[in-house]
Amino acid sequence: MTYKRGDRIALVHTTDPHTDLTEGDLGTVRRYNANLSQLSVDWDNGSTLSMLLDDGDEVRPA
């Protein structure tokens, strides 16, 4: 899937054990690097955790 700045997404799963994000949390795409499969997100809870889509992180359109 291709993401663009401003797209709204919801978290499905993250492999980061140190985040407070939980399934269903919403965020706005800041940047998508297709070469790295890295999705930079401004989460509604204030987090800026990036999603590493090739490393097990999963999101869906909100």
PDB file of N, CA and C in Angstrom:
ATOM      1  N   MET A   1       0.846  -1.188   0.000  1.00  0.00           N
ATOM      2  CA  MET A   1       0.000   0.000   0.000  1.00  0.00           C
ATOM      3  C   MET A   1       0.886   1.244   0.000  1.00  0.00           C
ATOM      4  N   THR A   2       0.403   2.302  -0.612  1.00  0.00           N
ATOM      5  CA  THR A   2       1.114   3.566  -0.637  1.00  0.00           C
ATOM      6  C   THR A   2       0.419   4.544   0.304  1.00  0.00           C
ATOM      7  N   TYR A   3       1.206   5.259   1.064  1.00  0.00           N
ATOM      8  CA  TYR A   3       0.675   6.247   2.004  1.00  0.00           C
ATOM      9  C   TYR A   3       1.143   7.622   1.577  1.00  0.00           C
ATOM     10  N   LYS A   4       0.324   8.634   1.855  1.00  0.00           N
ATOM     11  CA  LYS A   4       0.729  10.002   1.564  1.00  0.00           C
ATOM     12  C   LYS A   4       0.478  10.880   2.788  1.00  0.00           C
ATOM     13  N   ARG A   5       1.213  11.978   2.837  1.00  0.00           N
ATOM     14  CA  ARG A   5       1.092  12.916   3.949  1.00  0.00           C
ATOM     15  C   ARG A   5      -0.376  13.287   4.160  1.00  0.00           C
ATOM     16  N   GLY A   6      -0.814  13.213   5.411  1.00  0.00           N
ATOM     17  CA  GLY A   6      -2.184  13.580   5.751  1.00  0.00           C
ATOM     18  C   GLY A   6      -3.135  12.407   5.850  1.00  0.00           C
ATOM     19  N   ASP A   7      -2.743  11.238   5.329  1.00  0.00           N
ATOM     20  CA  ASP A   7      -3.603  10.055   5.453  1.00  0.00           C
ATOM     21  C   ASP A   7      -3.822   9.726   6.924  1.00  0.00           C
ATOM     22  N   ARG A   8      -5.034   9.333   7.242  1.00  0.00           N
ATOM     23  CA  ARG A   8      -5.356   8.913   8.611  1.00  0.00           C
ATOM     24  C   ARG A   8      -5.235   7.393   8.678  1.00  0.00           C
ATOM     25  N   ILE A   9      -4.583   6.912   9.739  1.00  0.00           N
ATOM     26  CA  ILE A   9      -4.387   5.478   9.914  1.00  0.00           C
ATOM     27  C   ILE A   9      -4.724   5.074  11.338  1.00  0.00           C
ATOM     28  N   ALA A  10      -4.913   3.774  11.515  1.00  0.00           N
ATOM     29  CA  ALA A  10      -5.138   3.195  12.836  1.00  0.00           C
ATOM     30  C   ALA A  10      -4.105   2.092  13.043  1.00  0.00           C
ATOM     31  N   LEU A  11      -3.629   1.987  14.259  1.00  0.00           N
ATOM     32  CA  LEU A  11      -2.652   0.958  14.590  1.00  0.00           C
ATOM     33  C   LEU A  11      -3.324  -0.408  14.682  1.00  0.00           C
ATOM     34  N   VAL A  12      -2.744  -1.389  14.031  1.00  0.00           N
ATOM     35  CA  VAL A  12      -3.175  -2.780  14.156  1.00  0.00           C
ATOM     36  C   VAL A  12      -2.243  -3.500  15.119  1.00  0.00           C
ATOM     37  N   HIS A  13      -0.920  -3.313  14.919  1.00  0.00           N
ATOM     38  CA  HIS A  13       0.074  -4.002  15.762  1.00  0.00           C
ATOM     39  C   HIS A  13       1.412  -3.291  15.645  1.00  0.00           C
ATOM     40  N   THR A  14       2.147  -3.223  16.760  1.00  0.00           N
ATOM     41  CA  THR A  14       3.522  -2.742  16.720  1.00  0.00           C
ATOM     42  C   THR A  14       4.409  -3.706  17.486  1.00  0.00           C
ATOM     43  N   THR A  15       5.626  -3.847  17.020  1.00  0.00           N
ATOM     44  CA  THR A  15       6.587  -4.723  17.680  1.00  0.00           C
ATOM     45  C   THR A  15       7.379  -3.979  18.747  1.00  0.00           C
ATOM     46  N   ASP A  16       7.153  -2.672  18.902  1.00  0.00           N
ATOM     47  CA  ASP A  16       7.882  -1.864  19.885  1.00  0.00           C
ATOM     48  C   ASP A  16       7.327  -2.135  21.282  1.00  0.00           C
ATOM     49  N   PRO A  17       8.121  -2.749  22.170  1.00  0.00           N
ATOM     50  CA  PRO A  17       7.629  -3.074  23.508  1.00  0.00           C
ATOM     51  C   PRO A  17       7.587  -1.869  24.450  1.00  0.00           C
ATOM     52  N   HIS A  18       8.124  -0.730  24.031  1.00  0.00           N
ATOM     53  CA  HIS A  18       8.240   0.417  24.928  1.00  0.00           C
ATOM     54  C   HIS A  18       7.224   1.524  24.652  1.00  0.00           C
ATOM     55  N   THR A  19       6.325   1.306  23.729  1.00  0.00           N
ATOM     56  CA  THR A  19       5.360   2.346  23.380  1.00  0.00           C
ATOM     57  C   THR A  19       4.069   2.189  24.192  1.00  0.00           C
ATOM     58  N   ASP A  20       3.380   3.314  24.364  1.00  0.00           N
ATOM     59  CA  ASP A  20       2.066   3.308  25.005  1.00  0.00           C
ATOM     60  C   ASP A  20       0.950   3.149  23.981  1.00  0.00           C
ATOM     61  N   LEU A  21       1.294   3.094  22.694  1.00  0.00           N
ATOM     62  CA  LEU A  21       0.284   2.917  21.657  1.00  0.00           C
ATOM     63  C   LEU A  21      -0.385   1.554  21.800  1.00  0.00           C
ATOM     64  N   THR A  22      -1.691   1.514  21.536  1.00  0.00           N
ATOM     65  CA  THR A  22      -2.434   0.262  21.577  1.00  0.00           C
ATOM     66  C   THR A  22      -3.253   0.117  20.301  1.00  0.00           C
ATOM     67  N   GLU A  23      -3.684  -1.090  20.045  1.00  0.00           N
ATOM     68  CA  GLU A  23      -4.476  -1.371  18.846  1.00  0.00           C
ATOM     69  C   GLU A  23      -5.652  -0.405  18.744  1.00  0.00           C
ATOM     70  N   GLY A  24      -5.824   0.168  17.555  1.00  0.00           N
ATOM     71  CA  GLY A  24      -6.922   1.092  17.315  1.00  0.00           C
ATOM     72  C   GLY A  24      -6.548   2.555  17.470  1.00  0.00           C
ATOM     73  N   ASP A  25      -5.372   2.852  18.071  1.00  0.00           N
ATOM     74  CA  ASP A  25      -4.953   4.249  18.182  1.00  0.00           C
ATOM     75  C   ASP A  25      -4.847   4.859  16.793  1.00  0.00           C
ATOM     76  N   LEU A  26      -5.201   6.145  16.687  1.00  0.00           N
ATOM     77  CA  LEU A  26      -5.248   6.837  15.409  1.00  0.00           C
ATOM     78  C   LEU A  26      -4.082   7.800  15.256  1.00  0.00           C
ATOM     79  N   GLY A  27      -3.688   8.012  13.999  1.00  0.00           N
ATOM     80  CA  GLY A  27      -2.614   8.955  13.714  1.00  0.00           C
ATOM     81  C   GLY A  27      -2.710   9.477  12.302  1.00  0.00           C
ATOM     82  N   THR A  28      -1.849  10.462  12.013  1.00  0.00           N
ATOM     83  CA  THR A  28      -1.784  11.086  10.702  1.00  0.00           C
ATOM     84  C   THR A  28      -0.398  10.860  10.116  1.00  0.00           C
ATOM     85  N   VAL A  29      -0.364  10.400   8.877  1.00  0.00           N
ATOM     86  CA  VAL A  29       0.911  10.145   8.207  1.00  0.00           C
ATOM     87  C   VAL A  29       1.637  11.466   7.975  1.00  0.00           C
ATOM     88  N   ARG A  30       2.893  11.509   8.406  1.00  0.00           N
ATOM     89  CA  ARG A  30       3.760  12.660   8.179  1.00  0.00           C
ATOM     90  C   ARG A  30       4.622  12.436   6.943  1.00  0.00           C
ATOM     91  N   ARG A  31       5.099  11.186   6.769  1.00  0.00           N
ATOM     92  CA  ARG A  31       5.967  10.862   5.631  1.00  0.00           C
ATOM     93  C   ARG A  31       5.974   9.344   5.456  1.00  0.00           C
ATOM     94  N   TYR A  32       6.151   8.903   4.214  1.00  0.00           N
ATOM     95  CA  TYR A  32       6.281   7.477   3.933  1.00  0.00           C
ATOM     96  C   TYR A  32       7.507   7.266   3.065  1.00  0.00           C
ATOM     97  N   ASN A  33       8.426   6.434   3.524  1.00  0.00           N
ATOM     98  CA  ASN A  33       9.610   6.068   2.763  1.00  0.00           C
ATOM     99  C   ASN A  33       9.401   4.652   2.258  1.00  0.00           C
ATOM    100  N   ALA A  34       9.023   4.529   0.991  1.00  0.00           N
ATOM    101  CA  ALA A  34       8.724   3.217   0.410  1.00  0.00           C
ATOM    102  C   ALA A  34       9.964   2.340   0.344  1.00  0.00           C
ATOM    103  N   ASN A  35      11.134   2.937   0.141  1.00  0.00           N
ATOM    104  CA  ASN A  35      12.371   2.152   0.057  1.00  0.00           C
ATOM    105  C   ASN A  35      12.677   1.434   1.365  1.00  0.00           C
ATOM    106  N   LEU A  36      12.362   2.068   2.488  1.00  0.00           N
ATOM    107  CA  LEU A  36      12.610   1.481   3.808  1.00  0.00           C
ATOM    108  C   LEU A  36      11.352   0.878   4.420  1.00  0.00           C
ATOM    109  N   SER A  37      10.216   1.044   3.749  1.00  0.00           N
ATOM    110  CA  SER A  37       8.918   0.646   4.308  1.00  0.00           C
ATOM    111  C   SER A  37       8.728   1.244   5.700  1.00  0.00           C
ATOM    112  N   GLN A  38       9.090   2.532   5.819  1.00  0.00           N
ATOM    113  CA  GLN A  38       8.994   3.255   7.088  1.00  0.00           C
ATOM    114  C   GLN A  38       7.925   4.331   6.974  1.00  0.00           C
ATOM    115  N   LEU A  39       7.003   4.302   7.906  1.00  0.00           N
ATOM    116  CA  LEU A  39       5.881   5.229   7.932  1.00  0.00           C
ATOM    117  C   LEU A  39       6.033   6.129   9.154  1.00  0.00           C
ATOM    118  N   SER A  40       6.286   7.419   8.911  1.00  0.00           N
ATOM    119  CA  SER A  40       6.398   8.385  10.003  1.00  0.00           C
ATOM    120  C   SER A  40       4.998   8.894  10.321  1.00  0.00           C
ATOM    121  N   VAL A  41       4.620   8.810  11.601  1.00  0.00           N
ATOM    122  CA  VAL A  41       3.247   9.093  12.009  1.00  0.00           C
ATOM    123  C   VAL A  41       3.219  10.065  13.180  1.00  0.00           C
ATOM    124  N   ASP A  42       2.307  11.023  13.123  1.00  0.00           N
ATOM    125  CA  ASP A  42       1.979  11.855  14.274  1.00  0.00           C
ATOM    126  C   ASP A  42       0.729  11.241  14.897  1.00  0.00           C
ATOM    127  N   TRP A  43       0.915  10.513  15.977  1.00  0.00           N
ATOM    128  CA  TRP A  43      -0.197   9.835  16.638  1.00  0.00           C
ATOM    129  C   TRP A  43      -1.014  10.827  17.442  1.00  0.00           C
ATOM    130  N   ASP A  44      -2.316  10.605  17.516  1.00  0.00           N
ATOM    131  CA  ASP A  44      -3.220  11.523  18.213  1.00  0.00           C
ATOM    132  C   ASP A  44      -2.884  11.646  19.698  1.00  0.00           C
ATOM    133  N   ASN A  45      -2.214  10.645  20.270  1.00  0.00           N
ATOM    134  CA  ASN A  45      -1.869  10.695  21.698  1.00  0.00           C
ATOM    135  C   ASN A  45      -0.578  11.479  21.950  1.00  0.00           C
ATOM    136  N   GLY A  46       0.030  12.055  20.894  1.00  0.00           N
ATOM    137  CA  GLY A  46       1.237  12.846  21.038  1.00  0.00           C
ATOM    138  C   GLY A  46       2.510  12.107  20.663  1.00  0.00           C
ATOM    139  N   SER A  47       2.443  10.810  20.491  1.00  0.00           N
ATOM    140  CA  SER A  47       3.606  10.017  20.101  1.00  0.00           C
ATOM    141  C   SER A  47       3.968  10.302  18.647  1.00  0.00           C
ATOM    142  N   THR A  48       5.251  10.158  18.324  1.00  0.00           N
ATOM    143  CA  THR A  48       5.705  10.293  16.941  1.00  0.00           C
ATOM    144  C   THR A  48       6.386   9.008  16.483  1.00  0.00           C
ATOM    145  N   LEU A  49       6.020   7.895  17.085  1.00  0.00           N
ATOM    146  CA  LEU A  49       6.626   6.608  16.753  1.00  0.00           C
ATOM    147  C   LEU A  49       6.406   6.280  15.282  1.00  0.00           C
ATOM    148  N   SER A  50       7.493   5.936  14.589  1.00  0.00           N
ATOM    149  CA  SER A  50       7.412   5.506  13.195  1.00  0.00           C
ATOM    150  C   SER A  50       7.103   4.019  13.128  1.00  0.00           C
ATOM    151  N   MET A  51       6.401   3.612  12.089  1.00  0.00           N
ATOM    152  CA  MET A  51       6.067   2.214  11.872  1.00  0.00           C
ATOM    153  C   MET A  51       7.038   1.608  10.875  1.00  0.00           C
ATOM    154  N   LEU A  52       7.610   0.480  11.229  1.00  0.00           N
ATOM    155  CA  LEU A  52       8.524  -0.255  10.352  1.00  0.00           C
ATOM    156  C   LEU A  52       7.740  -1.414   9.763  1.00  0.00           C
ATOM    157  N   LEU A  53       7.164  -1.184   8.598  1.00  0.00           N
ATOM    158  CA  LEU A  53       6.192  -2.116   8.032  1.00  0.00           C
ATOM    159  C   LEU A  53       6.798  -3.450   7.621  1.00  0.00           C
ATOM    160  N   ASP A  54       8.087  -3.480   7.304  1.00  0.00           N
ATOM    161  CA  ASP A  54       8.744  -4.757   6.961  1.00  0.00           C
ATOM    162  C   ASP A  54       9.229  -5.512   8.195  1.00  0.00           C
ATOM    163  N   ASP A  55       9.116  -4.883   9.362  1.00  0.00           N
ATOM    164  CA  ASP A  55       9.594  -5.507  10.604  1.00  0.00           C
ATOM    165  C   ASP A  55       8.454  -5.915  11.535  1.00  0.00           C
ATOM    166  N   GLY A  56       7.240  -5.980  11.002  1.00  0.00           N
ATOM    167  CA  GLY A  56       6.135  -6.497  11.803  1.00  0.00           C
ATOM    168  C   GLY A  56       5.115  -5.485  12.266  1.00  0.00           C
ATOM    169  N   ASP A  57       5.384  -4.185  12.111  1.00  0.00           N
ATOM    170  CA  ASP A  57       4.389  -3.185  12.478  1.00  0.00           C
ATOM    171  C   ASP A  57       3.278  -3.186  11.431  1.00  0.00           C
ATOM    172  N   GLU A  58       2.037  -3.006  11.885  1.00  0.00           N
ATOM    173  CA  GLU A  58       0.895  -3.024  10.964  1.00  0.00           C
ATOM    174  C   GLU A  58      -0.049  -1.867  11.268  1.00  0.00           C
ATOM    175  N   VAL A  59      -0.547  -1.234  10.213  1.00  0.00           N
ATOM    176  CA  VAL A  59      -1.549  -0.192  10.317  1.00  0.00           C
ATOM    177  C   VAL A  59      -2.627  -0.452   9.266  1.00  0.00           C
ATOM    178  N   ARG A  60      -3.731   0.254   9.405  1.00  0.00           N
ATOM    179  CA  ARG A  60      -4.820   0.180   8.429  1.00  0.00           C
ATOM    180  C   ARG A  60      -5.387   1.577   8.248  1.00  0.00           C
ATOM    181  N   PRO A  61      -6.056   1.824   7.128  1.00  0.00           N
ATOM    182  CA  PRO A  61      -6.708   3.122   6.961  1.00  0.00           C
ATOM    183  C   PRO A  61      -7.734   3.344   8.072  1.00  0.00           C
ATOM    184  N   ALA A  62      -7.834   4.571   8.531  1.00  0.00           N
ATOM    185  CA  ALA A  62      -8.808   4.886   9.602  1.00  0.00           C
ATOM    186  C   ALA A  62     -10.118   5.354   9.005  1.00  0.00           C
TER     187      ALA A  62
END
